[in-house]
Amino acid sequence: YGSSLARRLPYGHQRVLELGIALAARPSLLLLDEPAAGLNPPEVSNLMAMIQQIRHEGVTIVLVEHDMKLVMSVSDRIVVLDHGRKIAEGRPEEVRTNQRVVEAYLGKRS
C-alpha cells in the first residue's frame, strides 16, 4: 500500500493511518472516538494491541467506545453513561458487575 492514496486503503488500514497521524504530533493525551466502529474482529484485536502499546509509552487515552471487550481490555478506569447520565465509574471489574450497567446494556429482569 506504500504508493496508495489514503482513500484507496482498506477501511481498517485507514483507521490505523488516522491513529498514526494523531500520534505524529506526540500527544500526551489522545481522544479516540469509536475507534473500533466498522472494524472486523481481527482488526479490533490489532487495535487493542496498538492502544496497549500507546498506553505503555505513557500517552493517556480517553476512549469513547461501544465495544465492551475493547473497553474492558485496555482501560484502567471506566465511566459509563446511559442517555447522557453517568451511571457508574470504576475499574473494569467493578463496572462489569455493576447492576445499573448490566441493566442499561441488557435490560431489567422481569
Protein backbone atom coordinates (compact mmCIF):
# COMPACT_ATOMS: atom_id res chain seq x y z
CA TYR A 1 0.00 0.00 0.00
CA GLY A 2 3.04 2.27 0.08
CA SER A 3 2.11 4.21 -3.04
CA SER A 4 -1.67 4.15 -2.50
CA LEU A 5 -3.75 7.19 -1.72
CA ALA A 6 -5.22 7.03 1.79
CA ARG A 7 -8.79 6.95 0.44
CA ARG A 8 -7.96 3.78 -1.52
CA LEU A 9 -6.72 1.84 1.51
CA PRO A 10 -9.00 -0.78 3.05
CA TYR A 11 -11.10 0.75 5.84
CA GLY A 12 -9.17 -0.95 8.65
CA HIS A 13 -5.89 0.39 7.28
CA GLN A 14 -7.40 3.87 7.01
CA ARG A 15 -8.20 3.71 10.74
CA VAL A 16 -4.61 2.69 11.56
CA LEU A 17 -3.36 5.56 9.39
CA GLU A 18 -5.62 8.00 11.28
CA LEU A 19 -4.13 6.79 14.55
CA GLY A 20 -0.62 7.20 13.16
CA ILE A 21 -1.37 10.74 12.04
CA ALA A 22 -2.64 11.60 15.53
CA LEU A 23 0.47 10.08 17.13
CA ALA A 24 2.78 12.05 14.84
CA ALA A 25 2.00 15.10 16.98
CA ARG A 26 3.44 13.23 20.01
CA PRO A 27 0.40 13.91 22.21
CA SER A 28 0.35 13.38 25.96
CA LEU A 29 -3.42 12.78 25.76
CA LEU A 30 -5.29 11.13 22.89
CA LEU A 31 -9.08 11.14 22.46
CA LEU A 32 -10.33 8.14 20.47
CA ASP A 33 -13.99 8.37 19.44
CA GLU A 34 -15.38 4.98 18.41
CA PRO A 35 -12.06 3.69 17.03
CA ALA A 36 -13.45 0.16 16.57
CA ALA A 37 -16.50 1.25 14.55
CA GLY A 38 -16.62 -0.66 11.28
CA LEU A 39 -13.64 -2.88 12.07
CA ASN A 40 -13.76 -6.67 11.80
CA PRO A 41 -12.67 -8.84 14.79
CA PRO A 42 -9.02 -9.26 13.71
CA GLU A 43 -8.76 -5.50 13.15
CA VAL A 44 -10.23 -4.84 16.61
CA SER A 45 -7.65 -7.19 18.12
CA ASN A 46 -4.92 -5.28 16.31
CA LEU A 47 -6.40 -2.01 17.59
CA MET A 48 -6.36 -3.37 21.17
CA ALA A 49 -2.67 -4.16 20.85
CA MET A 50 -1.93 -0.71 19.41
CA ILE A 51 -3.82 1.03 22.23
CA GLN A 52 -1.96 -1.02 24.83
CA GLN A 53 1.37 -0.05 23.21
CA ILE A 54 0.39 3.63 23.12
CA ARG A 55 -0.53 3.46 26.82
CA HIS A 56 2.76 1.69 27.58
CA GLU A 57 4.56 4.65 26.01
CA GLY A 58 2.90 7.00 28.52
CA VAL A 59 0.10 8.51 26.45
CA THR A 60 -3.17 8.99 28.33
CA ILE A 61 -6.13 7.76 26.28
CA VAL A 62 -9.73 8.89 26.59
CA LEU A 63 -11.81 6.29 24.79
CA VAL A 64 -15.43 6.67 23.68
CA GLU A 65 -16.45 3.20 22.57
CA HIS A 66 -19.35 0.72 22.48
CA ASP A 67 -17.21 -2.40 22.02
CA MET A 68 -17.13 -3.60 25.63
CA LYS A 69 -14.46 -6.23 25.02
CA LEU A 70 -12.15 -3.49 23.76
CA VAL A 71 -13.05 -1.11 26.59
CA MET A 72 -12.55 -3.74 29.29
CA SER A 73 -9.24 -4.92 27.84
CA VAL A 74 -7.50 -1.55 27.55
CA SER A 75 -8.94 0.53 30.40
CA ASP A 76 -7.72 1.21 33.91
CA ARG A 77 -10.80 3.28 34.73
CA ILE A 78 -14.21 3.39 33.06
CA VAL A 79 -17.06 5.88 33.19
CA VAL A 80 -20.38 4.54 31.90
CA LEU A 81 -23.04 6.87 30.52
CA ASP A 82 -26.66 5.94 29.89
CA HIS A 83 -28.67 8.50 27.92
CA GLY A 84 -26.02 11.10 28.75
CA ARG A 85 -26.00 10.49 32.50
CA LYS A 86 -23.18 8.88 34.44
CA ILE A 87 -24.38 5.60 35.96
CA ALA A 88 -21.07 4.07 37.01
CA GLU A 89 -17.38 4.74 37.39
CA GLY A 90 -14.54 2.50 38.46
CA ARG A 91 -12.12 -0.24 37.49
CA PRO A 92 -13.23 -2.63 34.73
CA GLU A 93 -14.02 -5.44 37.18
CA GLU A 94 -16.20 -3.06 39.24
CA VAL A 95 -18.08 -1.70 36.23
CA ARG A 96 -18.58 -5.15 34.69
CA THR A 97 -20.59 -6.29 37.73
CA ASN A 98 -22.42 -3.02 38.42
CA GLN A 99 -26.17 -3.71 38.37
CA ARG A 100 -27.04 -0.36 36.76
CA VAL A 101 -24.58 -1.04 33.95
CA VAL A 102 -25.91 -4.56 33.41
CA GLU A 103 -29.49 -3.24 33.27
CA ALA A 104 -28.55 -0.42 30.88
CA TYR A 105 -26.91 -2.84 28.44
CA LEU A 106 -29.05 -5.95 28.86
CA GLY A 107 -32.33 -4.57 30.19
CA LYS A 108 -34.05 -5.14 33.51
CA ARG A 109 -35.04 -8.59 34.63
CA SER A 110 -38.75 -9.26 34.56
